[in-house]
Structure formats: structure tokens, C-alpha cells
Amino acid sequence: MSKYLAPLGVFVGGSLVLLVAFLFMPAIGTAGETLAADTAAIAGTFWNWGWVVGSVKLWVFLALWLVVLYGTAKAFLAVK
């Protein structure tokens, strides 16, 4: 029975890790603002550069969430 609950455990565990990562979001936002300030000279070279470096918190959240979903899918497929 526990092997069938493994995907749920991976999902809940990953969600808890994501909640812990929310504690670091202000520091990640500060790092993103620093990155935007340091790369202001090349902002005109790349299309939409300001939005990309301005939303570092979003990119970190999406990356972590995709890792959780990938791990859950992998655990779900390993149940067979």
C-alpha cells in the first residue's frame, strides 16, 4: 500500500520544500533587483530583458514547482 502512496508523499514533500523556499523569496527578489541594476547597460540589447530579470522570483517558483511535478510524475510512473 505504501508504494501507491509514494507519489502523494513526493507531492506533499515537494510542496513543503516550496513553502520553505517562500521564506527566501525576499532575498531572491533583492538579488533580482541587483541583477537588473548590474545589467542595465545591456537591457536594450535583449528584448524584454527588464521583465526577465525583474521577475526572478517567478522563475525560481516555476522551476521549483516543475521539479516537484516532475518528481511526482516519476514516482507515479514507478508504481507499476
N, C-alpha and C. Protein backbone atom coordinates (compact mmCIF):
# COMPACT_ATOMS: atom_id res chain seq x y z
N MET A 1 0.81 -1.20 0.00
CA MET A 1 0.00 0.00 0.00
C MET A 1 0.86 1.27 0.00
N SER A 2 1.99 1.21 0.67
CA SER A 2 2.81 2.42 0.76
C SER A 2 3.41 2.81 -0.59
N LYS A 3 3.61 1.83 -1.47
CA LYS A 3 4.16 2.18 -2.77
C LYS A 3 3.15 2.97 -3.60
N TYR A 4 1.86 2.78 -3.33
CA TYR A 4 0.84 3.53 -4.05
C TYR A 4 0.70 4.95 -3.50
N LEU A 5 1.16 5.16 -2.28
CA LEU A 5 1.10 6.50 -1.69
C LEU A 5 2.39 7.29 -1.90
N ALA A 6 3.37 6.68 -2.55
CA ALA A 6 4.66 7.35 -2.79
C ALA A 6 4.49 8.63 -3.60
N PRO A 7 3.69 8.64 -4.68
CA PRO A 7 3.53 9.91 -5.41
C PRO A 7 2.93 11.02 -4.54
N LEU A 8 2.01 10.65 -3.67
CA LEU A 8 1.42 11.65 -2.78
C LEU A 8 2.48 12.18 -1.82
N GLY A 9 3.33 11.30 -1.32
CA GLY A 9 4.41 11.73 -0.44
C GLY A 9 5.39 12.65 -1.13
N VAL A 10 5.71 12.34 -2.38
CA VAL A 10 6.62 13.20 -3.15
C VAL A 10 5.97 14.57 -3.37
N PHE A 11 4.69 14.58 -3.69
CA PHE A 11 4.00 15.83 -3.94
C PHE A 11 3.91 16.69 -2.68
N VAL A 12 3.52 16.08 -1.58
CA VAL A 12 3.39 16.83 -0.32
C VAL A 12 4.77 17.28 0.17
N GLY A 13 5.77 16.41 0.07
CA GLY A 13 7.12 16.79 0.48
C GLY A 13 7.67 17.93 -0.37
N GLY A 14 7.45 17.86 -1.67
CA GLY A 14 7.89 18.93 -2.56
C GLY A 14 7.17 20.23 -2.29
N SER A 15 5.88 20.14 -1.97
CA SER A 15 5.13 21.35 -1.64
C SER A 15 5.64 21.98 -0.35
N LEU A 16 6.02 21.15 0.60
CA LEU A 16 6.59 21.68 1.84
C LEU A 16 7.93 22.36 1.58
N VAL A 17 8.73 21.77 0.71
CA VAL A 17 10.01 22.40 0.33
C VAL A 17 9.74 23.74 -0.35
N LEU A 18 8.70 23.79 -1.16
CA LEU A 18 8.34 25.04 -1.82
C LEU A 18 7.89 26.09 -0.81
N LEU A 19 7.19 25.67 0.23
CA LEU A 19 6.81 26.60 1.29
C LEU A 19 8.04 27.15 2.01
N VAL A 20 9.04 26.31 2.23
CA VAL A 20 10.28 26.78 2.86
C VAL A 20 11.00 27.75 1.92
N ALA A 21 10.93 27.47 0.63
CA ALA A 21 11.58 28.37 -0.35
C ALA A 21 10.93 29.75 -0.34
N PHE A 22 9.65 29.83 0.03
CA PHE A 22 8.99 31.13 0.11
C PHE A 22 9.63 32.03 1.16
N LEU A 23 10.28 31.44 2.15
CA LEU A 23 10.97 32.24 3.15
C LEU A 23 12.14 33.01 2.55
N PHE A 24 12.70 32.48 1.48
CA PHE A 24 13.85 33.10 0.84
C PHE A 24 13.47 34.00 -0.33
N MET A 25 12.19 34.14 -0.62
CA MET A 25 11.77 34.95 -1.76
C MET A 25 12.16 36.42 -1.65
N PRO A 26 12.11 37.04 -0.46
CA PRO A 26 12.59 38.44 -0.41
C PRO A 26 14.06 38.57 -0.78
N ALA A 27 14.88 37.63 -0.34
CA ALA A 27 16.31 37.68 -0.70
C ALA A 27 16.50 37.42 -2.19
N ILE A 28 15.69 36.54 -2.75
CA ILE A 28 15.77 36.26 -4.18
C ILE A 28 15.33 37.50 -4.97
N GLY A 29 14.31 38.19 -4.47
CA GLY A 29 13.86 39.42 -5.13
C GLY A 29 14.93 40.50 -5.09
N THR A 30 15.63 40.61 -3.97
CA THR A 30 16.72 41.57 -3.87
C THR A 30 17.84 41.23 -4.85
N ALA A 31 18.14 39.94 -4.96
CA ALA A 31 19.17 39.52 -5.92
C ALA A 31 18.74 39.83 -7.35
N GLY A 32 17.45 39.67 -7.63
CA GLY A 32 16.94 40.01 -8.95
C GLY A 32 17.03 41.48 -9.25
N GLU A 33 16.75 42.32 -8.25
CA GLU A 33 16.87 43.77 -8.45
C GLU A 33 18.33 44.16 -8.66
N THR A 34 19.23 43.51 -7.94
CA THR A 34 20.66 43.77 -8.12
C THR A 34 21.10 43.36 -9.52
N LEU A 35 20.59 42.21 -9.98
CA LEU A 35 20.90 41.76 -11.33
C LEU A 35 20.40 42.75 -12.37
N ALA A 36 19.20 43.26 -12.16
CA ALA A 36 18.64 44.24 -13.10
C ALA A 36 19.48 45.51 -13.13
N ALA A 37 19.94 45.94 -11.96
CA ALA A 37 20.76 47.15 -11.91
C ALA A 37 22.13 46.93 -12.54
N ASP A 38 22.70 45.75 -12.31
CA ASP A 38 24.04 45.47 -12.85
C ASP A 38 24.03 45.26 -14.35
N THR A 39 22.91 44.83 -14.89
CA THR A 39 22.84 44.54 -16.33
C THR A 39 22.03 45.59 -17.08
N ALA A 40 21.86 46.77 -16.50
CA ALA A 40 21.07 47.82 -17.14
C ALA A 40 21.70 48.28 -18.45
N ALA A 41 23.00 48.15 -18.56
CA ALA A 41 23.67 48.62 -19.78
C ALA A 41 23.33 47.76 -20.99
N ILE A 42 23.03 46.48 -20.77
CA ILE A 42 22.72 45.62 -21.91
C ILE A 42 21.22 45.38 -22.07
N ALA A 43 20.41 46.08 -21.28
CA ALA A 43 18.96 45.87 -21.33
C ALA A 43 18.39 46.19 -22.71
N GLY A 44 18.96 47.14 -23.40
CA GLY A 44 18.47 47.48 -24.73
C GLY A 44 18.84 46.48 -25.80
N THR A 45 19.83 45.66 -25.52
CA THR A 45 20.29 44.67 -26.49
C THR A 45 19.32 43.50 -26.61
N PHE A 46 18.78 43.08 -25.48
CA PHE A 46 17.91 41.90 -25.45
C PHE A 46 16.47 42.32 -25.24
N TRP A 47 15.60 41.77 -26.06
CA TRP A 47 14.19 42.10 -26.00
C TRP A 47 13.61 41.63 -24.67
N ASN A 48 12.92 42.50 -23.97
CA ASN A 48 12.21 42.21 -22.73
C ASN A 48 13.12 41.82 -21.58
N TRP A 49 14.35 42.29 -21.61
CA TRP A 49 15.33 41.94 -20.58
C TRP A 49 14.89 42.42 -19.19
N GLY A 50 14.31 43.58 -19.14
CA GLY A 50 13.88 44.13 -17.85
C GLY A 50 12.83 43.26 -17.18
N TRP A 51 11.91 42.69 -17.97
CA TRP A 51 10.89 41.82 -17.40
C TRP A 51 11.49 40.51 -16.91
N VAL A 52 12.43 39.98 -17.66
CA VAL A 52 13.03 38.70 -17.30
C VAL A 52 13.79 38.81 -15.99
N VAL A 53 14.64 39.81 -15.86
CA VAL A 53 15.42 39.93 -14.62
C VAL A 53 14.58 40.52 -13.49
N GLY A 54 13.50 41.18 -13.82
CA GLY A 54 12.63 41.72 -12.79
C GLY A 54 11.72 40.69 -12.15
N SER A 55 11.55 39.57 -12.80
CA SER A 55 10.66 38.53 -12.27
C SER A 55 11.43 37.27 -11.91
N VAL A 56 12.55 37.45 -11.26
CA VAL A 56 13.38 36.30 -10.86
C VAL A 56 12.62 35.41 -9.87
N LYS A 57 11.83 36.03 -8.99
CA LYS A 57 11.06 35.22 -8.03
C LYS A 57 10.08 34.29 -8.75
N LEU A 58 9.47 34.79 -9.82
CA LEU A 58 8.56 33.95 -10.60
C LEU A 58 9.30 32.78 -11.24
N TRP A 59 10.47 33.05 -11.81
CA TRP A 59 11.24 31.98 -12.46
C TRP A 59 11.69 30.93 -11.45
N VAL A 60 12.10 31.36 -10.26
CA VAL A 60 12.51 30.40 -9.23
C VAL A 60 11.32 29.57 -8.79
N PHE A 61 10.17 30.20 -8.58
CA PHE A 61 8.97 29.47 -8.19
C PHE A 61 8.57 28.46 -9.26
N LEU A 62 8.57 28.87 -10.51
CA LEU A 62 8.19 27.95 -11.59
C LEU A 62 9.17 26.79 -11.72
N ALA A 63 10.45 27.06 -11.56
CA ALA A 63 11.45 25.99 -11.65
C ALA A 63 11.26 24.98 -10.53
N LEU A 64 11.05 25.47 -9.31
CA LEU A 64 10.85 24.55 -8.19
C LEU A 64 9.55 23.75 -8.35
N TRP A 65 8.50 24.42 -8.82
CA TRP A 65 7.22 23.73 -9.00
C TRP A 65 7.33 22.66 -10.10
N LEU A 66 8.07 22.96 -11.16
CA LEU A 66 8.25 21.96 -12.22
C LEU A 66 9.08 20.77 -11.72
N VAL A 67 10.03 21.01 -10.83
CA VAL A 67 10.79 19.91 -10.24
C VAL A 67 9.88 19.03 -9.39
N VAL A 68 8.99 19.66 -8.63
CA VAL A 68 8.04 18.89 -7.82
C VAL A 68 7.11 18.07 -8.71
N LEU A 69 6.60 18.67 -9.76
CA LEU A 69 5.70 17.94 -10.66
C LEU A 69 6.42 16.82 -11.39
N TYR A 70 7.68 17.05 -11.78
CA TYR A 70 8.46 16.01 -12.44
C TYR A 70 8.70 14.83 -11.49
N GLY A 71 9.06 15.14 -10.26
CA GLY A 71 9.28 14.08 -9.27
C GLY A 71 8.01 13.31 -8.98
N THR A 72 6.89 14.00 -8.90
CA THR A 72 5.61 13.34 -8.67
C THR A 72 5.25 12.43 -9.84
N ALA A 73 5.44 12.91 -11.05
CA ALA A 73 5.14 12.09 -12.24
C ALA A 73 6.04 10.87 -12.29
N LYS A 74 7.31 11.06 -11.96
CA LYS A 74 8.24 9.94 -11.96
C LYS A 74 7.86 8.90 -10.92
N ALA A 75 7.46 9.35 -9.73
CA ALA A 75 7.03 8.43 -8.68
C ALA A 75 5.72 7.75 -9.08
N PHE A 76 4.85 8.47 -9.75
CA PHE A 76 3.58 7.89 -10.19
C PHE A 76 3.82 6.80 -11.25
N LEU A 77 4.74 7.05 -12.15
CA LEU A 77 5.02 6.05 -13.19
C LEU A 77 5.81 4.86 -12.65
N ALA A 78 6.48 5.04 -11.54
CA ALA A 78 7.25 3.93 -10.94
C ALA A 78 6.37 2.99 -10.14
N VAL A 79 5.12 3.32 -9.96
CA VAL A 79 4.21 2.47 -9.18
C VAL A 79 3.93 1.16 -9.89
N LYS A 80 3.98 1.16 -11.20
CA LYS A 80 3.67 -0.06 -11.96
C LYS A 80 4.43 -1.19 -11.47
